[in-house]
Amino acid sequence: MSGIDGWRLPSKEELGDLYRAMQGGHPFTGDHSRLYWSSEAASDYRAWSVHMSDGSMGEYLRFYNFLAWPVRNVQ
């Protein structure tokens, strides 16, 4: 994105950190109550997601149309 490499889906723990960090306000207007995919598989057909309205985590079938919040490591 924008000519920068190294983007990835965050782990469920990283998504939890993002949820806690945004308690003062959400950077994506209108998307704060949505589910975001993590990079972690829960089973062959399920992956972990985090609900940004309350920080709850759950396992969902991978075909659901949830959002992605790409992150990257910065040196």
Protein backbone atom coordinates (compact mmCIF):
# COMPACT_ATOMS: atom_id res chain seq x y z
CA MET A 1 0.00 0.00 0.00
CA SER A 2 1.28 3.43 -0.92
CA GLY A 3 4.52 1.84 -2.12
CA ILE A 4 5.32 0.42 1.32
CA ASP A 5 5.95 -3.31 1.72
CA GLY A 6 5.58 -5.59 4.71
CA TRP A 7 1.85 -5.27 5.44
CA ARG A 8 0.18 -8.20 7.23
CA LEU A 9 -2.90 -9.08 9.24
CA PRO A 10 -2.34 -8.60 12.97
CA SER A 11 -2.55 -11.39 15.52
CA LYS A 12 -5.63 -11.47 17.74
CA GLU A 13 -3.50 -10.06 20.58
CA GLU A 14 -2.35 -7.17 18.36
CA LEU A 15 -5.98 -6.45 17.42
CA GLY A 16 -6.80 -6.39 21.13
CA ASP A 17 -3.99 -3.86 21.61
CA LEU A 18 -5.43 -1.73 18.79
CA TYR A 19 -8.87 -1.87 20.41
CA ARG A 20 -7.49 -0.71 23.77
CA ALA A 21 -5.41 2.03 22.11
CA MET A 22 -8.43 3.51 20.30
CA GLN A 23 -10.56 4.07 23.39
CA GLY A 24 -10.08 7.81 22.88
CA GLY A 25 -11.39 7.64 19.31
CA HIS A 26 -11.40 5.40 16.26
CA PRO A 27 -9.40 6.31 13.14
CA PHE A 28 -11.94 4.74 10.75
CA THR A 29 -15.24 6.58 10.98
CA GLY A 30 -18.23 4.26 10.90
CA ASP A 31 -16.21 1.04 11.23
CA HIS A 32 -15.71 0.99 14.99
CA SER A 33 -18.52 -1.50 15.55
CA ARG A 34 -17.31 -4.04 13.01
CA LEU A 35 -15.43 -7.33 13.16
CA TYR A 36 -11.82 -7.44 11.98
CA TRP A 37 -9.94 -10.56 10.89
CA SER A 38 -6.77 -11.62 12.65
CA SER A 39 -3.98 -13.66 11.08
CA GLU A 40 -4.64 -16.60 13.40
CA ALA A 41 -6.44 -19.76 12.35
CA ALA A 42 -8.80 -21.30 14.88
CA SER A 43 -9.29 -24.47 12.81
CA ASP A 44 -9.19 -25.55 9.16
CA TYR A 45 -12.28 -23.48 8.34
CA ARG A 46 -12.30 -20.81 11.04
CA ALA A 47 -10.15 -17.84 12.02
CA TRP A 48 -10.09 -15.49 14.99
CA SER A 49 -11.72 -12.07 14.73
CA VAL A 50 -12.00 -9.13 17.11
CA HIS A 51 -15.12 -7.00 17.49
CA MET A 52 -14.00 -3.38 17.74
CA SER A 53 -17.12 -2.24 19.61
CA ASP A 54 -16.14 -4.12 22.77
CA GLY A 55 -12.84 -5.94 22.14
CA SER A 56 -14.42 -9.39 22.25
CA MET A 57 -12.75 -12.19 20.29
CA GLY A 58 -14.38 -15.10 18.53
CA GLU A 59 -13.90 -17.85 15.96
CA TYR A 60 -15.73 -17.38 12.67
CA LEU A 61 -15.98 -19.23 9.38
CA ARG A 62 -13.46 -17.75 6.96
CA PHE A 63 -16.00 -16.91 4.27
CA TYR A 64 -17.63 -14.13 6.32
CA ASN A 65 -17.17 -10.63 4.96
CA PHE A 66 -15.30 -8.95 7.85
CA LEU A 67 -12.83 -6.08 7.65
CA ALA A 68 -9.03 -6.21 7.61
CA TRP A 69 -6.77 -3.79 9.49
CA PRO A 70 -3.32 -4.20 7.95
CA VAL A 71 -0.30 -3.54 10.15
CA ARG A 72 3.44 -3.65 9.62
CA ASN A 73 6.51 -3.78 11.79
CA VAL A 74 8.45 -0.52 11.93
CA GLN A 75 12.13 -0.40 12.74
